[in-house]
Amino acid sequence: MREDENKRQYQFGEKLRAVRERKHLTLKAVAAHAKVSESLVSQIERNKVSPAIDTLLDIADALDISLEFLFEEYSRRRPVSVIHREDRRKINEEDVVYEELSDPFSGNGENSFESYTINIPVGSRTHRGSYGHIGKEMGLVVQGEGILHYGNKEIALKEGDSITFNAGSPHTLENTGSVELKAIWMVTPAQKFNA
């Protein structure tokens, strides 16, 4: 189990109430602006109810605050994310195995990244990058050798080689060696383990 999964739900109700009171706004005024009941706003402030994101956006708008302001402590409280070996997610793409090394949700938006190992049997190749996607990739071959097919180019890679490229062009990694190809890969923004 991931270490941060058992943490209690992040609560921001007190922060909403403090801002509302500092701005001398009533529950009624905030509720009217957000088009919800006073009771709901009160329950959210007391952390009795977790609001839908659109409701939270409306309340934040009524208070003239950003979601970043509401969640800044949450981000600070989670500076480290651990994935234990036995809890790593794996994705099989035919006979190619991807094993997650980092939590893509520890980043945000276009600044998110993911890293994983790739294990490619002799004579096989990856498939998912064959159409390209937004972002950048970096890989390090830790065992074996292969070819990165990148657009119209073929780039030979052997153990110890690393490569960085813009992921917009179609790309696949093929094992052309005599042993399983193992590589560590990093992608930004997160693509494979972002669900």
C-alpha atoms as a PDB file:
ATOM      1  CA  MET A   1       0.000   0.000   0.000  1.00  0.00           C
ATOM      2  CA  ARG A   2       1.216   3.533  -0.786  1.00  0.00           C
ATOM      3  CA  GLU A   3       2.243   5.390   2.341  1.00  0.00           C
ATOM      4  CA  ASP A   4       0.030   8.386   1.663  1.00  0.00           C
ATOM      5  CA  GLU A   5      -3.166   6.394   1.007  1.00  0.00           C
ATOM      6  CA  ASN A   6      -4.071   6.065   4.683  1.00  0.00           C
ATOM      7  CA  LYS A   7      -3.732   9.745   5.490  1.00  0.00           C
ATOM      8  CA  ARG A   8      -6.991  11.334   6.594  1.00  0.00           C
ATOM      9  CA  GLN A   9      -8.840  13.499   4.134  1.00  0.00           C
ATOM     10  CA  TYR A  10      -7.363  16.984   3.762  1.00  0.00           C
ATOM     11  CA  GLN A  11      -9.587  19.562   5.455  1.00  0.00           C
ATOM     12  CA  PHE A  12      -9.821  23.199   4.406  1.00  0.00           C
ATOM     13  CA  GLY A  13     -13.104  24.290   6.040  1.00  0.00           C
ATOM     14  CA  GLU A  14     -11.418  26.340   8.751  1.00  0.00           C
ATOM     15  CA  LYS A  15      -9.470  28.224   6.103  1.00  0.00           C
ATOM     16  CA  LEU A  16     -12.672  29.070   4.214  1.00  0.00           C
ATOM     17  CA  ARG A  17     -14.346  30.286   7.397  1.00  0.00           C
ATOM     18  CA  ALA A  18     -11.320  32.395   8.399  1.00  0.00           C
ATOM     19  CA  VAL A  19     -11.256  34.119   4.998  1.00  0.00           C
ATOM     20  CA  ARG A  20     -15.026  34.687   5.043  1.00  0.00           C
ATOM     21  CA  GLU A  21     -14.921  36.231   8.522  1.00  0.00           C
ATOM     22  CA  ARG A  22     -11.868  38.360   7.705  1.00  0.00           C
ATOM     23  CA  LYS A  23     -13.758  39.754   4.691  1.00  0.00           C
ATOM     24  CA  HIS A  24     -16.860  40.334   6.850  1.00  0.00           C
ATOM     25  CA  LEU A  25     -19.027  38.145   4.619  1.00  0.00           C
ATOM     26  CA  THR A  26     -22.013  36.233   5.947  1.00  0.00           C
ATOM     27  CA  LEU A  27     -22.795  32.596   5.219  1.00  0.00           C
ATOM     28  CA  LYS A  28     -25.852  33.890   3.373  1.00  0.00           C
ATOM     29  CA  ALA A  29     -23.787  36.145   1.066  1.00  0.00           C
ATOM     30  CA  VAL A  30     -21.302  33.390   0.176  1.00  0.00           C
ATOM     31  CA  ALA A  31     -24.122  30.872  -0.357  1.00  0.00           C
ATOM     32  CA  ALA A  32     -26.015  33.276  -2.611  1.00  0.00           C
ATOM     33  CA  HIS A  33     -22.928  33.933  -4.746  1.00  0.00           C
ATOM     34  CA  ALA A  34     -22.173  30.195  -5.002  1.00  0.00           C
ATOM     35  CA  LYS A  35     -25.864  29.346  -5.572  1.00  0.00           C
ATOM     36  CA  VAL A  36     -25.931  26.821  -2.729  1.00  0.00           C
ATOM     37  CA  SER A  37     -27.635  26.747   0.665  1.00  0.00           C
ATOM     38  CA  GLU A  38     -26.256  28.460   3.765  1.00  0.00           C
ATOM     39  CA  SER A  39     -26.413  25.078   5.456  1.00  0.00           C
ATOM     40  CA  LEU A  40     -24.082  23.558   2.846  1.00  0.00           C
ATOM     41  CA  VAL A  41     -21.536  26.362   3.220  1.00  0.00           C
ATOM     42  CA  SER A  42     -21.676  25.952   6.998  1.00  0.00           C
ATOM     43  CA  GLN A  43     -21.151  22.183   6.727  1.00  0.00           C
ATOM     44  CA  ILE A  44     -18.189  22.691   4.367  1.00  0.00           C
ATOM     45  CA  GLU A  45     -16.620  25.191   6.785  1.00  0.00           C
ATOM     46  CA  ARG A  46     -17.027  22.669   9.625  1.00  0.00           C
ATOM     47  CA  ASN A  47     -15.509  19.880   7.461  1.00  0.00           C
ATOM     48  CA  LYS A  48     -18.742  17.891   7.675  1.00  0.00           C
ATOM     49  CA  VAL A  49     -19.166  17.764   3.900  1.00  0.00           C
ATOM     50  CA  SER A  50     -16.659  17.463   1.072  1.00  0.00           C
ATOM     51  CA  PRO A  51     -17.950  19.700  -1.744  1.00  0.00           C
ATOM     52  CA  ALA A  52     -18.058  18.920  -5.446  1.00  0.00           C
ATOM     53  CA  ILE A  53     -15.272  20.709  -7.317  1.00  0.00           C
ATOM     54  CA  ASP A  54     -17.682  23.111  -9.077  1.00  0.00           C
ATOM     55  CA  THR A  55     -19.194  24.074  -5.700  1.00  0.00           C
ATOM     56  CA  LEU A  56     -15.728  24.615  -4.246  1.00  0.00           C
ATOM     57  CA  LEU A  57     -14.788  26.770  -7.242  1.00  0.00           C
ATOM     58  CA  ASP A  58     -17.937  28.883  -6.745  1.00  0.00           C
ATOM     59  CA  ILE A  59     -17.227  29.350  -3.024  1.00  0.00           C
ATOM     60  CA  ALA A  60     -13.585  30.224  -3.750  1.00  0.00           C
ATOM     61  CA  ASP A  61     -14.827  32.762  -6.317  1.00  0.00           C
ATOM     62  CA  ALA A  62     -17.227  34.267  -3.750  1.00  0.00           C
ATOM     63  CA  LEU A  63     -14.304  34.671  -1.340  1.00  0.00           C
ATOM     64  CA  ASP A  64     -11.932  35.863  -4.097  1.00  0.00           C
ATOM     65  CA  ILE A  65      -9.346  33.169  -3.329  1.00  0.00           C
ATOM     66  CA  SER A  66      -7.631  30.538  -5.475  1.00  0.00           C
ATOM     67  CA  LEU A  67      -7.666  26.779  -5.063  1.00  0.00           C
ATOM     68  CA  GLU A  68      -3.868  26.969  -4.785  1.00  0.00           C
ATOM     69  CA  PHE A  69      -4.347  29.056  -1.628  1.00  0.00           C
ATOM     70  CA  LEU A  70      -6.732  26.448  -0.193  1.00  0.00           C
ATOM     71  CA  PHE A  71      -4.443  23.518  -0.901  1.00  0.00           C
ATOM     72  CA  GLU A  72      -0.977  25.005  -0.332  1.00  0.00           C
ATOM     73  CA  GLU A  73      -0.583  23.291   3.062  1.00  0.00           C
ATOM     74  CA  TYR A  74      -1.640  19.995   1.518  1.00  0.00           C
ATOM     75  CA  SER A  75       1.147  20.287  -1.041  1.00  0.00           C
ATOM     76  CA  ARG A  76       3.669  21.142   1.661  1.00  0.00           C
ATOM     77  CA  ARG A  77       2.564  18.233   3.848  1.00  0.00           C
ATOM     78  CA  ARG A  78       3.225  15.704   1.081  1.00  0.00           C
ATOM     79  CA  PRO A  79       6.756  16.429  -0.123  1.00  0.00           C
ATOM     80  CA  VAL A  80       7.651  12.725  -0.299  1.00  0.00           C
ATOM     81  CA  SER A  81       5.854   9.873  -2.015  1.00  0.00           C
ATOM     82  CA  VAL A  82       7.049   6.284  -1.508  1.00  0.00           C
ATOM     83  CA  ILE A  83       6.064   3.279  -3.605  1.00  0.00           C
ATOM     84  CA  HIS A  84       7.238   0.036  -2.050  1.00  0.00           C
ATOM     85  CA  ARG A  85       8.504  -2.623  -4.437  1.00  0.00           C
ATOM     86  CA  GLU A  86       5.590  -4.964  -3.756  1.00  0.00           C
ATOM     87  CA  ASP A  87       3.072  -2.164  -4.434  1.00  0.00           C
ATOM     88  CA  ARG A  88       4.365  -0.985  -7.807  1.00  0.00           C
ATOM     89  CA  ARG A  89       1.746  -0.918 -10.517  1.00  0.00           C
ATOM     90  CA  LYS A  90       2.557  -2.856 -13.690  1.00  0.00           C
ATOM     91  CA  ILE A  91       1.231  -2.468 -17.197  1.00  0.00           C
ATOM     92  CA  ASN A  92       1.618  -5.235 -19.743  1.00  0.00           C
ATOM     93  CA  GLU A  93       1.682  -4.226 -23.381  1.00  0.00           C
ATOM     94  CA  GLU A  94       1.634  -7.599 -25.062  1.00  0.00           C
ATOM     95  CA  ASP A  95       4.980  -9.078 -23.857  1.00  0.00           C
ATOM     96  CA  VAL A  96       6.508  -5.731 -22.753  1.00  0.00           C
ATOM     97  CA  VAL A  97       6.225  -4.944 -19.014  1.00  0.00           C
ATOM     98  CA  TYR A  98       6.221  -1.433 -17.533  1.00  0.00           C
ATOM     99  CA  GLU A  99       6.699  -1.101 -13.762  1.00  0.00           C
ATOM    100  CA  GLU A 100       5.966   2.204 -12.028  1.00  0.00           C
ATOM    101  CA  LEU A 101       8.790   3.899 -10.084  1.00  0.00           C
ATOM    102  CA  SER A 102       7.214   7.264  -9.222  1.00  0.00           C
ATOM    103  CA  ASP A 103       3.726   8.510  -8.479  1.00  0.00           C
ATOM    104  CA  PRO A 104       2.632  10.729 -11.378  1.00  0.00           C
ATOM    105  CA  PHE A 105       0.166  12.507  -9.100  1.00  0.00           C
ATOM    106  CA  SER A 106       2.969  13.944  -6.983  1.00  0.00           C
ATOM    107  CA  GLY A 107       3.325  16.560  -9.713  1.00  0.00           C
ATOM    108  CA  ASN A 108       0.634  18.798 -11.136  1.00  0.00           C
ATOM    109  CA  GLY A 109      -0.608  19.460 -14.630  1.00  0.00           C
ATOM    110  CA  GLU A 110       2.054  19.861 -17.254  1.00  0.00           C
ATOM    111  CA  ASN A 111       4.769  19.772 -14.574  1.00  0.00           C
ATOM    112  CA  SER A 112       3.882  16.197 -13.619  1.00  0.00           C
ATOM    113  CA  PHE A 113       6.269  13.416 -14.525  1.00  0.00           C
ATOM    114  CA  GLU A 114       6.383   9.673 -14.234  1.00  0.00           C
ATOM    115  CA  SER A 115       9.166   7.140 -14.218  1.00  0.00           C
ATOM    116  CA  TYR A 116       9.068   3.417 -14.763  1.00  0.00           C
ATOM    117  CA  THR A 117      11.148   0.452 -15.809  1.00  0.00           C
ATOM    118  CA  ILE A 118      10.624  -1.154 -19.208  1.00  0.00           C
ATOM    119  CA  ASN A 119      11.383  -4.842 -19.766  1.00  0.00           C
ATOM    120  CA  ILE A 120      11.390  -5.851 -23.427  1.00  0.00           C
ATOM    121  CA  PRO A 121      11.934  -9.487 -24.442  1.00  0.00           C
ATOM    122  CA  VAL A 122      14.360 -10.337 -27.242  1.00  0.00           C
ATOM    123  CA  GLY A 123      12.886  -9.407 -30.630  1.00  0.00           C
ATOM    124  CA  SER A 124      10.011  -7.358 -29.199  1.00  0.00           C
ATOM    125  CA  ARG A 125       9.302  -3.624 -28.999  1.00  0.00           C
ATOM    126  CA  THR A 126       7.123  -1.010 -27.302  1.00  0.00           C
ATOM    127  CA  HIS A 127       3.983   0.183 -29.089  1.00  0.00           C
ATOM    128  CA  ARG A 128       2.318   3.004 -27.166  1.00  0.00           C
ATOM    129  CA  GLY A 129       4.565   5.832 -28.387  1.00  0.00           C
ATOM    130  CA  SER A 130       4.075   4.882 -32.002  1.00  0.00           C
ATOM    131  CA  TYR A 131       1.871   7.943 -32.593  1.00  0.00           C
ATOM    132  CA  GLY A 132       3.817  10.418 -30.446  1.00  0.00           C
ATOM    133  CA  HIS A 133       2.367  12.620 -27.678  1.00  0.00           C
ATOM    134  CA  ILE A 134       3.026  15.927 -25.967  1.00  0.00           C
ATOM    135  CA  GLY A 135       6.006  16.211 -23.645  1.00  0.00           C
ATOM    136  CA  LYS A 136       9.553  14.939 -23.271  1.00  0.00           C
ATOM    137  CA  GLU A 137      11.105  11.581 -22.471  1.00  0.00           C
ATOM    138  CA  MET A 138      14.412  10.433 -21.065  1.00  0.00           C
ATOM    139  CA  GLY A 139      15.603   6.836 -20.939  1.00  0.00           C
ATOM    140  CA  LEU A 140      18.581   4.904 -19.592  1.00  0.00           C
ATOM    141  CA  VAL A 141      19.385   1.386 -20.811  1.00  0.00           C
ATOM    142  CA  VAL A 142      20.476  -0.702 -17.830  1.00  0.00           C
ATOM    143  CA  GLN A 143      20.700  -4.080 -19.609  1.00  0.00           C
ATOM    144  CA  GLY A 144      20.847  -5.212 -23.217  1.00  0.00           C
ATOM    145  CA  GLU A 145      20.762  -3.196 -26.398  1.00  0.00           C
ATOM    146  CA  GLY A 146      18.212  -1.909 -28.819  1.00  0.00           C
ATOM    147  CA  ILE A 147      17.098   0.707 -31.278  1.00  0.00           C
ATOM    148  CA  LEU A 148      14.925   3.724 -30.603  1.00  0.00           C
ATOM    149  CA  HIS A 149      12.817   4.294 -33.698  1.00  0.00           C
ATOM    150  CA  TYR A 150      12.182   8.046 -33.623  1.00  0.00           C
ATOM    151  CA  GLY A 151      10.265   9.431 -36.573  1.00  0.00           C
ATOM    152  CA  ASN A 152      12.396   8.354 -39.565  1.00  0.00           C
ATOM    153  CA  LYS A 153      15.543   7.855 -37.471  1.00  0.00           C
ATOM    154  CA  GLU A 154      16.970   4.705 -35.884  1.00  0.00           C
ATOM    155  CA  ILE A 155      19.160   5.358 -32.867  1.00  0.00           C
ATOM    156  CA  ALA A 156      21.244   2.457 -31.522  1.00  0.00           C
ATOM    157  CA  LEU A 157      21.399   2.162 -27.720  1.00  0.00           C
ATOM    158  CA  LYS A 158      23.452  -0.178 -25.562  1.00  0.00           C
ATOM    159  CA  GLU A 159      23.814  -0.765 -21.835  1.00  0.00           C
ATOM    160  CA  GLY A 160      24.684   2.485 -20.072  1.00  0.00           C
ATOM    161  CA  ASP A 161      23.431   4.749 -22.876  1.00  0.00           C
ATOM    162  CA  SER A 162      20.847   7.410 -22.116  1.00  0.00           C
ATOM    163  CA  ILE A 163      18.622   9.377 -24.455  1.00  0.00           C
ATOM    164  CA  THR A 164      16.410  12.457 -24.169  1.00  0.00           C
ATOM    165  CA  PHE A 165      13.883  13.543 -26.801  1.00  0.00           C
ATOM    166  CA  ASN A 166      10.739  15.504 -27.551  1.00  0.00           C
ATOM    167  CA  ALA A 167       7.905  12.949 -27.491  1.00  0.00           C
ATOM    168  CA  GLY A 168       5.883  14.617 -30.253  1.00  0.00           C
ATOM    169  CA  SER A 169       7.350  12.387 -32.971  1.00  0.00           C
ATOM    170  CA  PRO A 170       6.348   8.716 -33.185  1.00  0.00           C
ATOM    171  CA  HIS A 171       8.787   6.565 -31.196  1.00  0.00           C
ATOM    172  CA  THR A 172       9.210   2.954 -30.169  1.00  0.00           C
ATOM    173  CA  LEU A 173      12.006   1.056 -28.435  1.00  0.00           C
ATOM    174  CA  GLU A 174      13.009  -2.281 -29.957  1.00  0.00           C
ATOM    175  CA  ASN A 175      15.133  -4.979 -28.351  1.00  0.00           C
ATOM    176  CA  THR A 176      17.727  -5.981 -30.973  1.00  0.00           C
ATOM    177  CA  GLY A 177      20.055  -7.772 -28.548  1.00  0.00           C
ATOM    178  CA  SER A 178      20.371 -11.333 -27.275  1.00  0.00           C
ATOM    179  CA  VAL A 179      19.045 -10.684 -23.726  1.00  0.00           C
ATOM    180  CA  GLU A 180      16.021  -8.925 -22.276  1.00  0.00           C
ATOM    181  CA  LEU A 181      16.333  -5.152 -22.670  1.00  0.00           C
ATOM    182  CA  LYS A 182      15.813  -3.315 -19.380  1.00  0.00           C
ATOM    183  CA  ALA A 183      15.549   0.454 -19.219  1.00  0.00           C
ATOM    184  CA  ILE A 184      14.522   3.184 -16.795  1.00  0.00           C
ATOM    185  CA  TRP A 185      12.263   5.753 -18.422  1.00  0.00           C
ATOM    186  CA  MET A 186      10.980   9.195 -17.404  1.00  0.00           C
ATOM    187  CA  VAL A 187       8.139  11.042 -19.119  1.00  0.00           C
ATOM    188  CA  THR A 188       6.674  14.511 -18.623  1.00  0.00           C
ATOM    189  CA  PRO A 189       3.803  15.133 -18.478  1.00  0.00           C
ATOM    190  CA  ALA A 190       2.740  11.748 -17.094  1.00  0.00           C
ATOM    191  CA  GLN A 191       1.198   9.476 -19.759  1.00  0.00           C
ATOM    192  CA  LYS A 192       1.199   5.808 -18.875  1.00  0.00           C
ATOM    193  CA  PHE A 193       0.383   5.635 -15.141  1.00  0.00           C
ATOM    194  CA  ASN A 194      -1.823   8.717 -14.930  1.00  0.00           C
ATOM    195  CA  ALA A 195      -5.083   6.830 -14.468  1.00  0.00           C
END
